[in-house]
């Protein structure tokens, strides 16, 4: 009992210093929401959005007369049997499939619709700045930063290859991703070789 008594007299004093230290740490550490996503999530590629000129595959389960390839016209629309013109450009395949499925419920009991991208002719990326051939390039399948730089002919003599910026636009606005080509060149950090999305702009200062 004597030991317990002495311990209880020491704890309040220690508690003061612990509380003070915690307060200082709280001031130095930025607040983070409880449900905030991991920092890496900001760099994850988002779903491809259909563009004018793309060719999409419409598949309706057990409805072969509705299943077909459709070209997205310059106005961003496709013509679907029973439904007529439907806007496709600017949507993901999943978003378009959901819309088509909802509209087909007027004619079918339980339509199951899948939309695939057969040919992404509308997909483009841009490489600007200190590269040999700056400009617009078609996006054919998975394209990485290194591949985009190769399409642009590589760097000019005084390019700052450690300060490459990728400007990405999505529903939330613009995102700026940074890449260090020197780390890629020395095989130190493969994560710098980011996968590009349609509409990305690579800036080489």
N, C-alpha and C. Protein backbone atom coordinates (compact mmCIF):
# COMPACT_ATOMS: atom_id res chain seq x y z
N UNK A 1 0.83 -1.21 0.00
CA UNK A 1 0.00 0.00 0.00
C UNK A 1 0.86 1.26 0.00
N UNK A 2 2.00 1.19 0.69
CA UNK A 2 2.87 2.35 0.72
C UNK A 2 3.40 2.66 -0.68
N UNK A 3 3.73 1.60 -1.43
CA UNK A 3 4.23 1.78 -2.80
C UNK A 3 3.17 2.44 -3.70
N UNK A 4 1.95 2.01 -3.56
CA UNK A 4 0.88 2.57 -4.36
C UNK A 4 0.68 4.04 -4.04
N UNK A 5 0.82 4.40 -2.81
CA UNK A 5 0.63 5.79 -2.40
C UNK A 5 1.69 6.67 -3.02
N UNK A 6 2.95 6.22 -2.96
CA UNK A 6 4.02 7.02 -3.54
C UNK A 6 3.87 7.16 -5.05
N UNK A 7 3.44 6.08 -5.71
CA UNK A 7 3.23 6.15 -7.15
C UNK A 7 2.16 7.17 -7.52
N UNK A 8 1.13 7.24 -6.72
CA UNK A 8 0.04 8.17 -7.01
C UNK A 8 0.47 9.60 -6.83
N UNK A 9 1.48 9.83 -6.01
CA UNK A 9 1.95 11.20 -5.83
C UNK A 9 2.85 11.64 -6.98
N UNK A 10 3.49 10.66 -7.65
CA UNK A 10 4.39 11.00 -8.74
C UNK A 10 3.64 11.20 -10.05
N UNK A 11 2.58 10.40 -10.29
CA UNK A 11 1.87 10.42 -11.56
C UNK A 11 1.33 11.79 -11.94
N UNK A 12 0.70 12.56 -11.05
CA UNK A 12 0.19 13.88 -11.46
C UNK A 12 1.28 14.77 -12.02
N UNK A 13 2.48 14.74 -11.41
CA UNK A 13 3.56 15.59 -11.90
C UNK A 13 3.99 15.16 -13.29
N UNK A 14 4.12 13.82 -13.48
CA UNK A 14 4.50 13.32 -14.79
C UNK A 14 3.42 13.64 -15.82
N UNK A 15 2.17 13.57 -15.37
CA UNK A 15 1.06 13.81 -16.28
C UNK A 15 1.10 15.20 -16.86
N UNK A 16 1.58 16.17 -16.05
CA UNK A 16 1.67 17.54 -16.54
C UNK A 16 2.65 17.63 -17.71
N UNK A 17 3.84 17.02 -17.54
CA UNK A 17 4.84 17.09 -18.61
C UNK A 17 4.40 16.33 -19.85
N UNK A 18 3.71 15.17 -19.65
CA UNK A 18 3.22 14.42 -20.79
C UNK A 18 2.18 15.22 -21.57
N UNK A 19 1.30 15.91 -20.84
CA UNK A 19 0.28 16.72 -21.50
C UNK A 19 0.90 17.87 -22.28
N UNK A 20 1.93 18.49 -21.69
CA UNK A 20 2.61 19.59 -22.35
C UNK A 20 3.29 19.12 -23.63
N UNK A 21 3.95 17.94 -23.54
CA UNK A 21 4.62 17.41 -24.73
C UNK A 21 3.61 17.09 -25.82
N UNK A 22 2.47 16.53 -25.43
CA UNK A 22 1.44 16.19 -26.41
C UNK A 22 0.90 17.44 -27.08
N UNK A 23 0.77 18.53 -26.32
CA UNK A 23 0.26 19.77 -26.88
C UNK A 23 1.22 20.32 -27.92
N UNK A 24 2.55 20.26 -27.62
CA UNK A 24 3.54 20.75 -28.57
C UNK A 24 3.51 19.91 -29.85
N UNK A 25 3.41 18.57 -29.67
CA UNK A 25 3.35 17.69 -30.84
C UNK A 25 2.13 17.97 -31.69
N UNK A 26 1.00 18.25 -31.05
CA UNK A 26 -0.23 18.53 -31.78
C UNK A 26 -0.11 19.79 -32.62
N UNK A 27 0.68 20.78 -32.10
CA UNK A 27 0.87 22.02 -32.84
C UNK A 27 1.75 21.80 -34.05
N UNK A 28 2.75 20.91 -33.94
CA UNK A 28 3.70 20.67 -35.02
C UNK A 28 3.17 19.73 -36.08
N UNK A 29 2.17 18.89 -35.73
CA UNK A 29 1.65 17.90 -36.66
C UNK A 29 0.35 18.38 -37.29
N UNK A 30 0.29 18.52 -38.62
CA UNK A 30 -0.95 18.97 -39.27
C UNK A 30 -2.09 18.02 -39.00
N UNK A 31 -3.28 18.59 -38.83
CA UNK A 31 -4.46 17.77 -38.56
C UNK A 31 -4.81 16.96 -39.80
N UNK A 32 -5.23 15.73 -39.62
CA UNK A 32 -5.61 14.85 -40.72
C UNK A 32 -6.99 14.30 -40.47
N UNK A 33 -7.93 14.46 -41.40
CA UNK A 33 -9.28 13.92 -41.18
C UNK A 33 -9.25 12.44 -40.92
N UNK A 34 -10.20 11.98 -40.11
CA UNK A 34 -10.22 10.58 -39.72
C UNK A 34 -10.40 9.66 -40.90
N UNK A 35 -11.14 10.10 -41.91
CA UNK A 35 -11.41 9.25 -43.06
C UNK A 35 -10.63 9.67 -44.30
N UNK A 36 -9.50 10.39 -44.09
CA UNK A 36 -8.71 10.84 -45.24
C UNK A 36 -8.07 9.67 -45.94
N UNK A 37 -8.05 9.65 -47.30
CA UNK A 37 -7.43 8.55 -48.04
C UNK A 37 -5.92 8.63 -47.93
N UNK A 38 -5.20 7.55 -48.20
CA UNK A 38 -3.75 7.58 -48.19
C UNK A 38 -3.22 8.60 -49.18
N UNK A 39 -2.04 9.15 -48.89
CA UNK A 39 -1.48 10.19 -49.75
C UNK A 39 -1.29 9.70 -51.17
N UNK A 40 -0.96 8.42 -51.33
CA UNK A 40 -0.72 7.88 -52.67
C UNK A 40 -1.96 7.85 -53.53
N UNK A 41 -3.14 7.92 -52.90
CA UNK A 41 -4.39 7.81 -53.65
C UNK A 41 -4.54 8.95 -54.65
N UNK A 42 -3.94 10.13 -54.33
CA UNK A 42 -4.05 11.27 -55.23
C UNK A 42 -3.37 11.01 -56.57
N UNK A 43 -2.44 10.03 -56.62
CA UNK A 43 -1.69 9.77 -57.84
C UNK A 43 -2.24 8.59 -58.61
N UNK A 44 -3.28 7.94 -58.12
CA UNK A 44 -3.82 6.78 -58.80
C UNK A 44 -4.61 7.22 -60.03
N UNK A 45 -4.40 6.56 -61.11
CA UNK A 45 -5.14 6.91 -62.31
C UNK A 45 -6.64 6.73 -62.14
N UNK A 46 -7.39 7.66 -62.75
CA UNK A 46 -8.83 7.53 -62.69
C UNK A 46 -9.33 6.82 -63.94
N UNK A 47 -10.62 6.46 -63.99
CA UNK A 47 -11.18 5.72 -65.12
C UNK A 47 -11.16 6.58 -66.38
N UNK A 48 -10.93 5.92 -67.51
CA UNK A 48 -10.89 6.61 -68.79
C UNK A 48 -12.27 7.15 -69.16
N UNK A 49 -12.29 8.38 -69.66
CA UNK A 49 -13.54 8.99 -70.08
C UNK A 49 -13.61 9.00 -71.61
N UNK A 50 -14.74 8.58 -72.11
CA UNK A 50 -14.96 8.44 -73.54
C UNK A 50 -14.87 9.80 -74.23
N UNK A 51 -14.29 9.81 -75.43
CA UNK A 51 -14.17 11.05 -76.19
C UNK A 51 -14.69 10.90 -77.60
N UNK A 52 -14.90 12.02 -78.26
CA UNK A 52 -15.35 11.99 -79.66
C UNK A 52 -14.31 11.26 -80.51
N UNK A 53 -14.78 10.39 -81.40
CA UNK A 53 -13.88 9.62 -82.23
C UNK A 53 -13.60 8.23 -81.71
N UNK A 54 -13.89 7.99 -80.44
CA UNK A 54 -13.70 6.66 -79.86
C UNK A 54 -14.70 5.67 -80.44
N UNK A 55 -14.35 4.40 -80.40
CA UNK A 55 -15.27 3.32 -80.77
C UNK A 55 -15.54 2.49 -79.52
N UNK A 56 -16.81 2.36 -79.16
CA UNK A 56 -17.16 1.63 -77.94
C UNK A 56 -17.93 0.36 -78.30
N UNK A 57 -17.87 -0.61 -77.41
CA UNK A 57 -18.58 -1.87 -77.58
C UNK A 57 -19.76 -1.91 -76.62
N UNK A 58 -20.97 -1.95 -77.15
CA UNK A 58 -22.18 -2.05 -76.34
C UNK A 58 -22.59 -3.52 -76.27
N UNK A 59 -22.69 -4.04 -75.07
CA UNK A 59 -23.11 -5.43 -74.90
C UNK A 59 -24.32 -5.47 -73.96
N UNK A 60 -25.41 -6.03 -74.46
CA UNK A 60 -26.63 -6.19 -73.66
C UNK A 60 -26.89 -7.69 -73.53
N UNK A 61 -26.86 -8.18 -72.30
CA UNK A 61 -26.98 -9.61 -72.03
C UNK A 61 -28.27 -10.19 -72.62
N UNK A 62 -28.10 -11.25 -73.41
CA UNK A 62 -29.21 -11.97 -74.04
C UNK A 62 -30.02 -11.11 -75.01
N UNK A 63 -29.40 -10.05 -75.53
CA UNK A 63 -30.06 -9.19 -76.51
C UNK A 63 -29.08 -8.94 -77.66
N UNK A 64 -28.85 -9.96 -78.50
CA UNK A 64 -27.85 -9.83 -79.57
C UNK A 64 -28.16 -8.71 -80.56
N UNK A 65 -29.43 -8.40 -80.76
CA UNK A 65 -29.77 -7.33 -81.71
C UNK A 65 -29.38 -5.95 -81.19
N UNK A 66 -29.12 -5.84 -79.90
CA UNK A 66 -28.71 -4.56 -79.32
C UNK A 66 -27.19 -4.48 -79.13
N UNK A 67 -26.54 -5.62 -79.16
CA UNK A 67 -25.10 -5.67 -78.95
C UNK A 67 -24.37 -5.31 -80.23
N UNK A 68 -23.48 -4.31 -80.15
CA UNK A 68 -22.80 -3.82 -81.35
C UNK A 68 -21.70 -2.83 -81.01
N UNK A 69 -20.85 -2.53 -82.00
CA UNK A 69 -19.86 -1.46 -81.86
C UNK A 69 -20.47 -0.14 -82.30
N UNK A 70 -20.12 0.91 -81.59
CA UNK A 70 -20.67 2.23 -81.90
C UNK A 70 -19.54 3.25 -81.94
N UNK A 71 -19.54 4.09 -82.95
CA UNK A 71 -18.56 5.18 -83.05
C UNK A 71 -19.13 6.43 -82.40
N UNK A 72 -18.34 7.08 -81.57
CA UNK A 72 -18.76 8.31 -80.91
C UNK A 72 -18.58 9.46 -81.90
N UNK A 73 -19.68 10.11 -82.24
CA UNK A 73 -19.63 11.18 -83.24
C UNK A 73 -18.97 12.43 -82.68
N UNK A 74 -18.73 13.38 -83.56
CA UNK A 74 -18.06 14.62 -83.15
C UNK A 74 -18.88 15.40 -82.13
N UNK A 75 -20.21 15.17 -82.10
CA UNK A 75 -21.04 15.84 -81.10
C UNK A 75 -21.04 15.09 -79.77
N UNK A 76 -20.26 14.00 -79.71
CA UNK A 76 -20.14 13.27 -78.45
C UNK A 76 -21.22 12.24 -78.20
N UNK A 77 -22.08 11.99 -79.19
CA UNK A 77 -23.21 11.08 -78.99
C UNK A 77 -23.06 9.80 -79.81
N UNK A 78 -23.80 8.77 -79.38
CA UNK A 78 -23.91 7.53 -80.15
C UNK A 78 -25.40 7.23 -80.33
N UNK A 79 -25.71 6.47 -81.38
CA UNK A 79 -27.10 6.10 -81.64
C UNK A 79 -27.30 4.66 -81.21
N UNK A 80 -28.22 4.45 -80.26
CA UNK A 80 -28.48 3.13 -79.70
C UNK A 80 -29.90 2.70 -80.08
N UNK A 81 -30.05 1.48 -80.58
CA UNK A 81 -31.40 1.00 -80.93
C UNK A 81 -32.37 1.15 -79.76
N UNK A 82 -33.59 1.51 -80.04
CA UNK A 82 -34.67 1.76 -79.07
C UNK A 82 -34.53 3.10 -78.36
N UNK A 83 -33.31 3.57 -78.17
CA UNK A 83 -33.11 4.78 -77.37
C UNK A 83 -32.81 6.01 -78.21
N UNK A 84 -32.25 5.82 -79.40
CA UNK A 84 -31.86 6.98 -80.20
C UNK A 84 -30.51 7.51 -79.77
N UNK A 85 -30.31 8.82 -79.84
CA UNK A 85 -29.03 9.44 -79.53
C UNK A 85 -28.83 9.53 -78.01
N UNK A 86 -27.66 9.08 -77.56
CA UNK A 86 -27.30 9.12 -76.14
C UNK A 86 -25.91 9.73 -76.03
N UNK A 87 -25.72 10.65 -75.10
CA UNK A 87 -24.41 11.28 -74.91
C UNK A 87 -23.43 10.29 -74.29
N UNK A 88 -22.28 10.11 -74.96
CA UNK A 88 -21.25 9.19 -74.48
C UNK A 88 -19.99 9.94 -74.04
N UNK A 89 -19.62 11.00 -74.77
CA UNK A 89 -18.39 11.72 -74.48
C UNK A 89 -18.41 12.32 -73.07
N UNK A 90 -17.29 12.22 -72.41
CA UNK A 90 -17.17 12.77 -71.06
C UNK A 90 -17.56 11.80 -69.97
N UNK A 91 -18.07 10.63 -70.35
CA UNK A 91 -18.48 9.63 -69.37
C UNK A 91 -17.51 8.46 -69.34
N UNK A 92 -17.46 7.77 -68.23
CA UNK A 92 -16.74 6.51 -68.19
C UNK A 92 -17.65 5.42 -68.77
N UNK A 93 -17.08 4.27 -69.08
CA UNK A 93 -17.88 3.17 -69.59
C UNK A 93 -18.95 2.75 -68.60
N UNK A 94 -18.60 2.75 -67.32
CA UNK A 94 -19.55 2.34 -66.29
C UNK A 94 -20.71 3.33 -66.19
N UNK A 95 -20.41 4.63 -66.29
CA UNK A 95 -21.47 5.64 -66.21
C UNK A 95 -22.43 5.53 -67.40
N UNK A 96 -21.86 5.33 -68.58
CA UNK A 96 -22.71 5.21 -69.77
C UNK A 96 -23.56 3.93 -69.69
N UNK A 97 -22.95 2.83 -69.24
CA UNK A 97 -23.69 1.56 -69.12
C UNK A 97 -24.86 1.70 -68.16
N UNK A 98 -24.66 2.42 -67.07
CA UNK A 98 -25.74 2.61 -66.09
C UNK A 98 -26.89 3.42 -66.69
N UNK A 99 -26.54 4.47 -67.45
CA UNK A 99 -27.56 5.31 -68.08
C UNK A 99 -28.35 4.51 -69.11
N UNK A 100 -27.63 3.76 -69.97
CA UNK A 100 -28.30 2.96 -71.00
C UNK A 100 -29.19 1.90 -70.35
N UNK A 101 -28.70 1.27 -69.30
CA UNK A 101 -29.49 0.25 -68.60
C UNK A 101 -30.77 0.84 -68.04
N UNK A 102 -30.67 2.03 -67.46
CA UNK A 102 -31.86 2.69 -66.89
C UNK A 102 -32.89 2.99 -67.99
N UNK A 103 -32.41 3.49 -69.12
CA UNK A 103 -33.33 3.83 -70.20
C UNK A 103 -33.96 2.58 -70.84
N UNK A 104 -33.19 1.49 -70.91
CA UNK A 104 -33.72 0.27 -71.52
C UNK A 104 -34.78 -0.42 -70.67
N UNK A 105 -34.89 -0.02 -69.41
CA UNK A 105 -35.92 -0.62 -68.55
C UNK A 105 -37.33 -0.31 -69.04
N UNK A 106 -37.45 0.66 -69.92
CA UNK A 106 -38.76 0.95 -70.52
C UNK A 106 -39.17 -0.14 -71.50
N UNK A 107 -38.16 -0.92 -71.97
CA UNK A 107 -38.44 -1.93 -72.99
C UNK A 107 -38.08 -3.35 -72.55
N UNK A 108 -37.15 -3.48 -71.62
CA UNK A 108 -36.69 -4.79 -71.15
C UNK A 108 -36.90 -4.93 -69.66
N UNK A 109 -37.14 -6.15 -69.21
CA UNK A 109 -37.45 -6.38 -67.79
C UNK A 109 -36.26 -6.06 -66.89
N UNK A 110 -35.11 -6.62 -67.17
CA UNK A 110 -33.94 -6.41 -66.31
C UNK A 110 -32.69 -6.37 -67.18
N UNK A 111 -32.49 -5.28 -67.92
CA UNK A 111 -31.35 -5.21 -68.84
C UNK A 111 -30.01 -5.20 -68.10
N UNK A 112 -29.06 -5.98 -68.62
CA UNK A 112 -27.70 -5.99 -68.09
C UNK A 112 -26.77 -5.47 -69.18
N UNK A 113 -26.23 -4.28 -68.95
CA UNK A 113 -25.48 -3.58 -69.99
C UNK A 113 -24.01 -3.43 -69.59
N UNK A 114 -23.14 -3.69 -70.55
CA UNK A 114 -21.71 -3.48 -70.36
C UNK A 114 -21.18 -2.63 -71.51
N UNK A 115 -20.34 -1.65 -71.19
CA UNK A 115 -19.72 -0.80 -72.20
C UNK A 115 -18.21 -0.99 -72.13
N UNK A 116 -17.61 -1.33 -73.28
CA UNK A 116 -16.16 -1.43 -73.37
C UNK A 116 -15.61 -0.43 -74.37
N UNK A 117 -14.32 -0.11 -74.26
CA UNK A 117 -13.68 0.81 -75.19
C UNK A 117 -12.91 -0.02 -76.20
N UNK A 118 -13.39 -0.06 -77.44
CA UNK A 118 -12.71 -0.83 -78.48
C UNK A 118 -11.49 -0.09 -79.01
N UNK A 119 -11.67 1.20 -79.31
CA UNK A 119 -10.56 2.00 -79.83
C UNK A 119 -10.69 3.42 -79.27
N UNK A 120 -9.64 3.86 -78.59
CA UNK A 120 -9.67 5.17 -77.94
C UNK A 120 -9.02 6.21 -78.84
N UNK A 121 -9.68 6.50 -79.98
CA UNK A 121 -9.13 7.47 -80.91
C UNK A 121 -9.14 8.89 -80.35
N UNK A 122 -10.03 9.17 -79.43
CA UNK A 122 -10.13 10.52 -78.89
C UNK A 122 -9.13 10.81 -77.78
N UNK A 123 -8.36 9.79 -77.35
CA UNK A 123 -7.44 9.97 -76.24
C UNK A 123 -6.18 10.70 -76.70
N UNK A 124 -5.80 11.74 -75.98
CA UNK A 124 -4.63 12.54 -76.34
C UNK A 124 -3.86 12.93 -75.07
N UNK A 125 -2.55 13.08 -75.24
CA UNK A 125 -1.71 13.67 -74.20
C UNK A 125 -0.91 14.79 -74.84
N UNK A 126 -0.33 15.65 -74.02
CA UNK A 126 0.43 16.79 -74.50
C UNK A 126 1.78 16.82 -73.78
N UNK A 127 2.85 17.04 -74.55
CA UNK A 127 4.19 17.17 -73.97
C UNK A 127 4.74 18.51 -74.42
N UNK A 128 5.04 19.38 -73.45
CA UNK A 128 5.45 20.75 -73.75
C UNK A 128 6.74 21.10 -73.02
N UNK A 129 7.38 22.17 -73.46
CA UNK A 129 8.58 22.65 -72.78
C UNK A 129 9.86 22.22 -73.49
N UNK A 130 10.87 21.87 -72.71
CA UNK A 130 12.20 21.60 -73.22
C UNK A 130 12.35 20.17 -73.74
N UNK A 131 11.54 19.86 -74.76
CA UNK A 131 11.66 18.58 -75.47
C UNK A 131 11.86 18.87 -76.96
N UNK A 132 12.33 17.86 -77.69
CA UNK A 132 12.67 18.08 -79.10
C UNK A 132 11.45 18.33 -79.98
N UNK A 133 10.35 17.61 -79.70
CA UNK A 133 9.15 17.74 -80.54
C UNK A 133 7.92 17.95 -79.66
N UNK A 134 7.76 19.14 -79.08
CA UNK A 134 6.59 19.39 -78.25
C UNK A 134 5.30 19.33 -79.06
N UNK A 135 4.22 18.90 -78.41
CA UNK A 135 2.96 18.86 -79.13
C UNK A 135 1.97 17.87 -78.54
N UNK A 136 1.00 17.53 -79.36
CA UNK A 136 -0.10 16.63 -78.98
C UNK A 136 0.18 15.25 -79.56
N UNK A 137 -0.08 14.21 -78.73
CA UNK A 137 0.20 12.85 -79.16
C UNK A 137 -0.99 11.94 -78.83
N UNK A 138 -1.31 11.01 -79.73
CA UNK A 138 -2.42 10.07 -79.43
C UNK A 138 -2.03 9.11 -78.32
N UNK A 139 -3.00 8.76 -77.50
CA UNK A 139 -2.78 7.83 -76.40
C UNK A 139 -3.28 6.46 -76.84
N UNK A 140 -2.37 5.53 -77.06
CA UNK A 140 -2.71 4.20 -77.53
C UNK A 140 -2.43 3.19 -76.42
N UNK A 141 -3.43 2.86 -75.67
CA UNK A 141 -3.24 1.92 -74.57
C UNK A 141 -2.47 2.56 -73.42
N UNK A 142 -1.89 1.72 -72.56
CA UNK A 142 -1.16 2.21 -71.39
C UNK A 142 0.11 2.93 -71.85
N UNK A 143 0.26 4.18 -71.43
CA UNK A 143 1.43 4.99 -71.80
C UNK A 143 2.03 5.60 -70.55
N UNK A 144 3.33 5.41 -70.38
CA UNK A 144 4.02 5.93 -69.19
C UNK A 144 4.73 7.24 -69.54
N UNK A 145 5.27 7.87 -68.51
CA UNK A 145 5.98 9.13 -68.70
C UNK A 145 7.17 8.94 -69.63
N UNK A 146 7.95 7.89 -69.44
CA UNK A 146 9.12 7.65 -70.29
C UNK A 146 8.69 7.50 -71.74
N UNK A 147 7.61 6.78 -71.99
CA UNK A 147 7.14 6.59 -73.36
C UNK A 147 6.70 7.91 -73.99
N UNK A 148 6.04 8.76 -73.19
CA UNK A 148 5.61 10.06 -73.70
C UNK A 148 6.81 10.93 -74.05
N UNK A 149 7.84 10.90 -73.22
CA UNK A 149 9.04 11.69 -73.50
C UNK A 149 9.74 11.17 -74.76
N UNK A 150 9.69 9.86 -74.97
CA UNK A 150 10.28 9.29 -76.18
C UNK A 150 9.52 9.76 -77.42
N UNK A 151 8.18 9.81 -77.32
CA UNK A 151 7.37 10.29 -78.45
C UNK A 151 7.70 11.74 -78.78
N UNK A 152 8.08 12.50 -77.76
CA UNK A 152 8.42 13.91 -77.96
C UNK A 152 9.88 14.09 -78.33
N UNK A 153 10.61 13.01 -78.58
CA UNK A 153 11.98 13.11 -79.07
C UNK A 153 13.04 13.29 -78.01
N UNK A 154 12.66 13.20 -76.74
CA UNK A 154 13.64 13.36 -75.67
C UNK A 154 13.84 14.82 -75.28
N UNK A 155 14.80 15.04 -74.39
CA UNK A 155 15.03 16.37 -73.82
C UNK A 155 15.93 17.24 -74.69
N UNK A 156 15.74 18.54 -74.55
CA UNK A 156 16.72 19.49 -75.07
C UNK A 156 17.89 19.60 -74.08
N UNK A 157 18.92 20.28 -74.50
CA UNK A 157 20.18 20.29 -73.74
C UNK A 157 20.03 20.80 -72.31
N UNK A 158 19.27 21.86 -72.12
CA UNK A 158 19.21 22.49 -70.82
C UNK A 158 17.91 22.19 -70.06
N UNK A 159 17.25 21.11 -70.40
CA UNK A 159 16.02 20.73 -69.69
C UNK A 159 16.31 20.37 -68.24
N UNK A 160 15.41 20.79 -67.36
CA UNK A 160 15.53 20.45 -65.94
C UNK A 160 14.77 19.14 -65.70
N UNK A 161 15.46 18.06 -65.93
CA UNK A 161 14.80 16.74 -65.94
C UNK A 161 14.36 16.26 -64.56
N UNK A 162 14.82 16.93 -63.53
CA UNK A 162 14.42 16.53 -62.18
C UNK A 162 13.16 17.24 -61.71
N UNK A 163 12.64 18.16 -62.53
CA UNK A 163 11.48 18.98 -62.13
C UNK A 163 10.32 18.86 -63.11
N UNK A 164 10.07 17.69 -63.65
CA UNK A 164 8.97 17.49 -64.60
C UNK A 164 7.64 17.57 -63.87
N UNK A 165 6.68 18.25 -64.48
CA UNK A 165 5.35 18.40 -63.88
C UNK A 165 4.31 17.81 -64.85
N UNK A 166 3.39 17.02 -64.29
CA UNK A 166 2.26 16.49 -65.07
C UNK A 166 0.99 17.17 -64.57
N UNK A 167 0.32 17.86 -65.47
CA UNK A 167 -0.93 18.55 -65.11
C UNK A 167 -2.08 17.63 -65.51
N UNK A 168 -2.90 17.27 -64.54
CA UNK A 168 -4.01 16.33 -64.78
C UNK A 168 -5.32 17.00 -64.37
N UNK A 169 -6.32 16.90 -65.23
CA UNK A 169 -7.63 17.48 -64.94
C UNK A 169 -8.65 16.38 -64.71
N UNK A 170 -9.43 16.54 -63.65
CA UNK A 170 -10.51 15.59 -63.38
C UNK A 170 -11.70 16.36 -62.82
N UNK A 171 -12.66 15.65 -62.26
CA UNK A 171 -13.88 16.31 -61.77
C UNK A 171 -13.61 17.30 -60.65
N UNK A 172 -12.53 17.09 -59.90
CA UNK A 172 -12.23 17.96 -58.76
C UNK A 172 -11.35 19.14 -59.15
N UNK A 173 -10.93 19.22 -60.41
CA UNK A 173 -10.10 20.32 -60.86
C UNK A 173 -8.75 19.84 -61.37
N UNK A 174 -7.72 20.67 -61.23
CA UNK A 174 -6.40 20.32 -61.71
C UNK A 174 -5.55 19.73 -60.59
N UNK A 175 -4.77 18.70 -60.95
CA UNK A 175 -3.83 18.09 -60.03
C UNK A 175 -2.44 18.19 -60.65
N UNK A 176 -1.45 18.54 -59.83
CA UNK A 176 -0.08 18.68 -60.32
C UNK A 176 0.76 17.55 -59.72
N UNK A 177 1.27 16.69 -60.60
CA UNK A 177 2.11 15.57 -60.19
C UNK A 177 3.54 15.87 -60.61
N UNK A 178 4.49 15.58 -59.73
CA UNK A 178 5.89 15.85 -60.03
C UNK A 178 6.66 14.56 -60.25
N UNK A 179 7.60 14.61 -61.17
CA UNK A 179 8.41 13.43 -61.49
C UNK A 179 9.87 13.84 -61.68
N UNK A 180 10.75 12.99 -61.23
CA UNK A 180 12.19 13.24 -61.32
C UNK A 180 12.80 12.20 -62.26
N UNK A 181 13.11 12.62 -63.48
CA UNK A 181 13.65 11.69 -64.47
C UNK A 181 15.03 11.17 -64.06
N UNK A 182 15.78 11.96 -63.32
CA UNK A 182 17.13 11.54 -62.91
C UNK A 182 17.06 10.29 -62.02
N UNK A 183 16.01 10.22 -61.18
CA UNK A 183 15.84 9.04 -60.34
C UNK A 183 15.47 7.83 -61.18
N UNK A 184 14.72 8.05 -62.25
CA UNK A 184 14.39 6.96 -63.17
C UNK A 184 15.62 6.50 -63.92
N UNK A 185 16.41 7.46 -64.38
CA UNK A 185 17.59 7.15 -65.19
C UNK A 185 18.60 6.34 -64.41
N UNK A 186 18.69 6.61 -63.11
CA UNK A 186 19.65 5.90 -62.27
C UNK A 186 19.05 4.65 -61.63
N UNK A 187 17.81 4.30 -62.03
CA UNK A 187 17.11 3.11 -61.53
C UNK A 187 16.95 3.14 -60.01
N UNK A 188 16.72 4.34 -59.47
CA UNK A 188 16.54 4.47 -58.03
C UNK A 188 15.08 4.48 -57.61
N UNK A 189 14.19 4.92 -58.50
CA UNK A 189 12.79 5.07 -58.09
C UNK A 189 11.87 4.88 -59.29
N UNK A 190 11.38 3.66 -59.47
CA UNK A 190 10.51 3.35 -60.61
C UNK A 190 9.15 4.03 -60.48
N UNK A 191 8.77 4.45 -59.28
CA UNK A 191 7.47 5.10 -59.08
C UNK A 191 7.39 6.45 -59.81
N UNK A 192 8.52 6.99 -60.22
CA UNK A 192 8.52 8.25 -60.96
C UNK A 192 7.97 8.08 -62.37
N UNK A 193 7.93 6.85 -62.87
CA UNK A 193 7.45 6.60 -64.23
C UNK A 193 5.93 6.46 -64.21
N UNK A 194 5.26 7.58 -64.05
CA UNK A 194 3.81 7.60 -63.87
C UNK A 194 3.07 7.19 -65.14
N UNK A 195 1.92 6.54 -64.95
CA UNK A 195 1.05 6.20 -66.08
C UNK A 195 0.20 7.41 -66.42
N UNK A 196 0.18 7.79 -67.69
CA UNK A 196 -0.54 8.99 -68.12
C UNK A 196 -1.98 8.65 -68.50
N UNK A 197 -2.84 9.66 -68.33
CA UNK A 197 -4.25 9.53 -68.70
C UNK A 197 -4.56 10.51 -69.83
N UNK A 198 -5.65 10.23 -70.53
CA UNK A 198 -6.07 11.12 -71.60
C UNK A 198 -6.27 12.54 -71.06
N UNK A 199 -5.68 13.52 -71.75
CA UNK A 199 -5.80 14.91 -71.33
C UNK A 199 -4.64 15.38 -70.50
N UNK A 200 -3.75 14.49 -70.07
CA UNK A 200 -2.59 14.90 -69.27
C UNK A 200 -1.65 15.77 -70.08
N UNK A 201 -1.04 16.75 -69.41
CA UNK A 201 -0.04 17.60 -70.03
C UNK A 201 1.27 17.44 -69.27
N UNK A 202 2.32 17.04 -69.97
CA UNK A 202 3.65 16.88 -69.38
C UNK A 202 4.44 18.15 -69.66
N UNK A 203 4.91 18.81 -68.60
CA UNK A 203 5.67 20.05 -68.73
C UNK A 203 7.11 19.80 -68.33
N UNK A 204 8.02 20.06 -69.23
CA UNK A 204 9.46 19.89 -68.95
C UNK A 204 10.09 21.27 -68.93
N UNK A 205 10.46 21.79 -67.74
CA UNK A 205 11.02 23.15 -67.66
C UNK A 205 12.45 23.23 -68.23
